[in-house]
Protein backbone atom coordinates (compact mmCIF):
# COMPACT_ATOMS: atom_id res chain seq x y z
CA MET A 1 6.92 -38.70 15.56
CA LYS A 2 3.27 -39.52 15.15
CA THR A 3 1.74 -38.15 11.95
CA TYR A 4 -1.77 -36.84 11.37
CA SER A 5 -3.91 -36.25 8.31
CA SER A 6 -4.30 -32.56 7.40
CA LYS A 7 -8.01 -32.61 8.29
CA ALA A 8 -7.45 -34.40 11.58
CA SER A 9 -4.56 -32.11 12.48
CA ALA A 10 -6.51 -28.96 11.73
CA PHE A 11 -9.44 -30.33 13.71
CA PHE A 12 -7.18 -31.16 16.65
CA VAL A 13 -5.67 -27.66 16.62
CA MET A 14 -9.11 -26.07 16.58
CA MET A 15 -10.32 -28.33 19.38
CA LEU A 16 -7.30 -27.53 21.52
CA CYS A 17 -7.71 -23.81 20.91
CA ALA A 18 -11.43 -23.94 21.53
CA PHE A 19 -10.96 -25.93 24.73
CA SER A 20 -8.29 -23.53 25.91
CA LEU A 21 -10.43 -20.48 25.18
CA THR A 22 -13.42 -22.12 26.84
CA LEU A 23 -11.48 -23.15 29.90
CA PHE A 24 -9.75 -19.86 30.54
CA GLY A 25 -12.80 -17.83 29.53
CA LEU A 26 -14.94 -19.46 32.21
CA PRO A 27 -15.81 -17.60 35.42
CA LYS A 28 -13.20 -17.97 38.12
CA SER A 29 -15.66 -19.84 40.30
CA VAL A 30 -15.89 -22.55 37.62
CA GLN A 31 -12.17 -22.49 36.86
CA ALA A 32 -11.56 -23.15 40.54
CA GLU A 33 -12.89 -26.67 40.04
CA PHE A 34 -9.79 -27.39 37.95
CA GLY A 35 -6.66 -27.81 39.99
CA SER A 36 -3.56 -25.79 39.09
CA ALA A 37 -1.81 -28.99 38.09
CA GLU A 38 -4.62 -29.90 35.67
CA LYS A 39 -4.58 -26.47 34.08
CA GLN A 40 -0.80 -26.64 33.79
CA GLU A 41 -1.07 -30.05 32.09
CA ILE A 42 -3.47 -28.60 29.51
CA GLU A 43 -1.11 -25.68 28.83
CA ILE A 44 1.84 -28.05 28.44
CA LEU A 45 -0.17 -30.31 26.11
CA ILE A 46 -1.04 -27.39 23.85
CA GLU A 47 2.48 -25.99 23.92
CA LYS A 48 4.07 -29.37 23.10
CA PHE A 49 1.66 -30.05 20.29
CA ILE A 50 2.46 -26.67 18.69
CA GLN A 51 6.21 -27.16 19.16
CA ASN A 52 6.15 -30.66 17.69
CA ASN A 53 3.82 -29.79 14.82
CA PRO A 54 4.63 -26.24 13.65
CA ASP A 55 3.61 -27.04 10.07
CA ILE A 56 0.13 -28.03 11.17
CA LEU A 57 -0.42 -24.77 12.99
CA ARG A 58 1.00 -22.78 10.08
CA ASP A 59 -1.27 -24.63 7.63
CA ALA A 60 -4.29 -24.02 9.83
CA LEU A 61 -3.50 -20.30 10.05
CA THR A 62 -2.91 -20.14 6.28
CA LYS A 63 -6.30 -21.74 5.61
CA LEU A 64 -7.93 -19.33 8.02
CA ALA A 65 -6.32 -16.37 6.22
CA GLN A 66 -7.43 -17.76 2.86
CA ALA A 67 -10.98 -18.18 4.12
CA GLU A 68 -11.01 -14.61 5.41
CA ALA A 69 -9.64 -13.31 2.09
CA LEU A 70 -12.31 -15.23 0.18
CA ALA A 71 -15.04 -13.83 2.42
CA ALA A 72 -13.70 -10.30 1.88
CA GLN A 73 -13.65 -10.80 -1.89
CA GLN A 74 -17.21 -12.12 -1.86
CA ALA A 75 -18.34 -9.12 0.15
CA ALA A 76 -16.60 -6.78 -2.31
CA MET A 77 -18.19 -8.57 -5.26
CA ALA A 78 -21.62 -8.18 -3.65
CA MET A 79 -21.04 -4.41 -3.61
CA VAL A 80 -20.23 -4.44 -7.32
CA LEU A 81 -23.25 -6.58 -8.21
CA ASP A 82 -25.46 -4.06 -6.43
CA ASP A 83 -25.74 -1.95 -9.60
CA ALA A 84 -29.22 -0.38 -9.40
CA GLY A 85 -28.94 3.09 -10.92
CA ASP A 86 -25.53 2.50 -12.47
CA PRO A 87 -25.41 3.49 -16.15
CA PHE A 88 -25.11 0.61 -18.59
CA ILE A 89 -24.90 -0.32 -22.27
CA GLY A 90 -26.55 -3.45 -23.62
CA ALA A 91 -29.58 -5.54 -22.78
CA GLU A 92 -30.78 -5.19 -19.20
CA ASP A 93 -31.41 -8.96 -19.04
CA ALA A 94 -28.01 -9.91 -20.50
CA SER A 95 -26.66 -13.24 -19.32
CA LEU A 96 -23.24 -11.78 -18.46
CA THR A 97 -22.24 -8.35 -17.19
CA ILE A 98 -18.87 -6.64 -17.47
CA TYR A 99 -18.26 -4.01 -14.80
CA GLU A 100 -15.90 -1.15 -15.63
CA PHE A 101 -14.58 1.33 -13.06
CA SER A 102 -14.05 4.39 -15.22
CA ASP A 103 -13.14 8.09 -15.18
CA TYR A 104 -13.89 10.48 -18.06
CA ASN A 105 -10.48 12.13 -17.68
CA CYS A 106 -8.69 8.79 -17.95
CA GLY A 107 -6.76 8.35 -21.20
CA TYR A 108 -6.62 4.57 -20.80
CA CYS A 109 -10.40 4.48 -20.31
CA LYS A 110 -10.78 6.33 -23.60
CA ARG A 111 -8.36 3.90 -25.22
CA ILE A 112 -10.24 0.80 -24.11
CA PHE A 113 -13.65 2.25 -25.03
CA PRO A 114 -13.62 1.19 -28.74
CA ASP A 115 -12.62 -2.36 -27.76
CA LEU A 116 -15.43 -2.60 -25.25
CA MET A 117 -17.95 -1.35 -27.82
CA ALA A 118 -16.65 -3.89 -30.34
CA VAL A 119 -17.01 -6.65 -27.75
CA LEU A 120 -20.61 -5.67 -27.04
CA GLU A 121 -21.34 -5.75 -30.76
CA GLN A 122 -19.85 -9.24 -31.07
CA GLU A 123 -21.45 -10.52 -27.86
CA PRO A 124 -25.11 -9.41 -27.69
CA SER A 125 -25.61 -11.52 -24.53
CA VAL A 126 -23.15 -9.27 -22.67
CA ARG A 127 -23.80 -5.85 -21.20
CA LEU A 128 -21.42 -3.24 -19.81
CA VAL A 129 -22.16 -1.55 -16.48
CA VAL A 130 -20.06 1.54 -15.95
CA LYS A 131 -19.10 2.08 -12.34
CA GLU A 132 -18.50 5.82 -12.34
CA PHE A 133 -15.28 6.22 -10.38
CA PRO A 134 -14.19 9.89 -10.70
CA ILE A 135 -10.76 10.10 -9.10
CA LEU A 136 -8.60 12.19 -11.44
CA ALA A 137 -10.10 15.68 -11.29
CA GLU A 138 -13.05 17.77 -10.15
CA SER A 139 -14.36 17.70 -13.71
CA SER A 140 -14.35 13.89 -13.46
CA VAL A 141 -16.99 14.16 -10.74
CA LEU A 142 -19.03 16.49 -12.95
CA GLY A 143 -18.82 14.01 -15.83
CA ALA A 144 -19.75 11.06 -13.61
CA ARG A 145 -22.80 12.86 -12.26
CA ALA A 146 -23.91 13.78 -15.77
CA ALA A 147 -23.48 10.16 -16.93
CA ILE A 148 -25.63 8.80 -14.09
CA ALA A 149 -28.22 11.46 -14.84
CA ALA A 150 -28.16 10.58 -18.56
CA GLN A 151 -28.96 6.98 -17.64
CA ARG A 152 -32.23 8.15 -16.10
CA GLN A 153 -33.25 9.64 -19.44
CA GLY A 154 -32.32 6.45 -21.27
CA LYS A 155 -29.59 8.15 -23.29
CA PHE A 156 -26.46 7.03 -21.48
CA PRO A 157 -24.92 5.01 -24.38
CA ALA A 158 -24.87 8.03 -26.72
CA PHE A 159 -23.71 10.39 -23.95
CA HIS A 160 -21.01 7.97 -22.81
CA ALA A 161 -19.69 7.72 -26.37
CA GLU A 162 -19.51 11.50 -26.66
CA MET A 163 -17.66 11.74 -23.35
CA MET A 164 -15.20 9.01 -24.25
CA GLU A 165 -14.51 10.45 -27.67
CA TRP A 166 -14.08 14.00 -26.34
CA ARG A 167 -10.49 15.18 -26.65
CA GLY A 168 -10.74 18.75 -25.38
CA LYS A 169 -10.91 20.09 -21.85
CA LEU A 170 -13.73 18.48 -19.92
CA ASP A 171 -15.71 21.19 -18.18
CA ALA A 172 -19.30 22.31 -17.68
CA GLY A 173 -19.37 23.95 -21.10
CA ALA A 174 -18.21 20.79 -22.87
CA ILE A 175 -20.70 18.65 -20.98
CA ASP A 176 -23.47 21.10 -21.87
CA ARG A 177 -22.59 20.86 -25.57
CA MET A 178 -22.64 17.06 -25.42
CA THR A 179 -25.94 17.18 -23.53
CA LYS A 180 -27.53 19.12 -26.37
CA LYS A 181 -25.96 16.90 -29.03
CA VAL A 182 -27.50 13.69 -27.69
CA GLY A 183 -30.85 15.34 -26.95
CA LEU A 184 -30.88 15.30 -23.17
CA ASP A 185 -33.30 17.46 -21.22
CA ARG A 186 -30.86 19.89 -19.63
CA GLN A 187 -33.07 20.93 -16.72
CA GLN A 188 -33.86 17.33 -15.80
CA LEU A 189 -30.17 16.48 -16.15
CA GLN A 190 -29.21 19.22 -13.69
CA ARG A 191 -31.83 18.04 -11.19
CA ASP A 192 -30.69 14.41 -11.45
CA MET A 193 -27.02 15.35 -11.17
CA SER A 194 -27.66 16.92 -7.75
CA ASP A 195 -30.09 14.25 -6.61
CA PRO A 196 -29.05 12.43 -3.37
CA ALA A 197 -29.57 9.16 -5.26
CA THR A 198 -26.63 10.14 -7.49
CA ASP A 199 -24.47 10.70 -4.40
CA PHE A 200 -25.49 7.27 -3.16
CA ILE A 201 -24.42 5.60 -6.42
CA LEU A 202 -21.05 7.35 -6.43
CA ASN A 203 -20.40 6.50 -2.77
CA ARG A 204 -21.36 2.87 -3.37
CA THR A 205 -18.85 2.67 -6.20
CA ARG A 206 -16.11 4.20 -4.06
CA GLN A 207 -16.78 1.62 -1.35
CA ALA A 208 -16.64 -1.23 -3.88
CA ALA A 209 -13.38 0.09 -5.33
CA SER A 210 -11.92 0.36 -1.83
CA ALA A 211 -13.00 -3.20 -1.02
CA PHE A 212 -11.10 -4.42 -4.10
CA ASP A 213 -8.22 -2.01 -3.40
CA LEU A 214 -8.68 -0.41 -6.83
CA ARG A 215 -6.73 2.84 -7.02
CA GLY A 216 -6.86 3.61 -10.73
CA THR A 217 -8.92 3.37 -13.86
CA PRO A 218 -9.90 1.53 -15.90
CA ALA A 219 -10.56 -1.63 -13.93
CA LEU A 220 -12.71 -4.45 -15.27
CA ILE A 221 -14.57 -7.20 -13.47
CA ILE A 222 -15.50 -10.10 -15.73
CA GLY A 223 -16.90 -13.10 -13.92
CA ASP A 224 -14.62 -13.70 -10.95
CA ASN A 225 -11.69 -11.89 -12.55
CA VAL A 226 -10.68 -8.42 -11.41
CA ILE A 227 -8.43 -6.76 -13.98
CA PRO A 228 -6.80 -3.43 -13.09
CA GLY A 229 -5.69 -1.51 -16.16
CA ALA A 230 -6.53 -1.59 -19.85
CA ILE A 231 -6.44 -4.91 -21.70
CA SER A 232 -6.91 -5.85 -25.35
CA GLN A 233 -10.14 -6.80 -27.10
CA SER A 234 -8.99 -10.40 -27.47
CA GLU A 235 -8.20 -10.62 -23.76
CA ILE A 236 -11.67 -9.30 -22.91
CA LEU A 237 -13.28 -11.88 -25.21
CA ASN A 238 -11.23 -14.70 -23.66
CA LEU A 239 -12.29 -13.63 -20.16
CA ILE A 240 -15.93 -13.54 -21.30
CA LYS A 241 -15.64 -17.10 -22.63
CA GLN A 242 -14.07 -18.20 -19.36
CA ALA A 243 -16.81 -16.52 -17.31
CA GLN A 244 -19.52 -18.07 -19.49
CA ALA A 245 -17.94 -21.51 -19.13
CA ASP A 246 -17.70 -21.12 -15.35
CA LYS A 247 -21.33 -20.05 -15.23
CA ASN A 248 -22.49 -23.07 -17.23
CA SER A 249 -20.32 -25.62 -15.43
C-alpha cells in the first residue's frame, strides 16, 4: 500500500472533500456537464481512499476536533479577560492576573481565601480578579451584587475580606453590618447593586463559566490553566511561576 506523509494525507483528504462538496453543490445545469460515469468514478475514488486509509481520515477528524476545542477555549478565555467592572484586589496594572469564580456561601471559597491573600502579599506583581459567580443561594446573589457595588466605591478588598471571614448566616442584615464596618456609603451601594451594569457583569460571568463548563466554586484561572476546586498556596505559586515563564518565553 502506498504511504503518505501526515500533512500530505490530510491535505489530500481535504482536497477530496472540498472537490466533492464543490461538485455536488454546483447547480444541476453545471453538474450536467459531468457524465454519470465521471461522477461515479469520483465517488469510487473517494470511497476507496477512505477505505484504504481509515487512519488518515480519523487523524484528520481528530485534528479538526482539537482545533475546534482550542477555538472554543480561546473564546471562553476572551470572556474571562473581559473584566471591566469586576471587583479586584491588587495593582490594576499588575503583570499577571488570577481570576477566581467565587460564591460568598461557598465554604471552599472561604478556605482558599487566606491562601490567595498570602499569595498576593508574596507576589506584588499579581492581582486577583473575583468573578462573582453566585450559584449556591439567593443570598449569594445579594452578596455578589454588594461586592460589585463595593468595587465602585474603591473598598472591595476590605468588604471582600469581611464577607469571606463571615461565619454566620449571610443575609441583608449581615451585609448591612459589614457595609457599615468598612465605611461604604449605604445609599450609593443600594443604587449600584440594582444598576443594570451590575446585571451585565453577573451575566457576563455566568456566560464565561458556562463556556468553561464550570459548575462549582471556587475555580481559578491562572495563565492558561483552569483549575476547578480549591488548591493549596504552594500550588497557586507554582502555577503563577509557570504562567510568568510562559508569558516571558
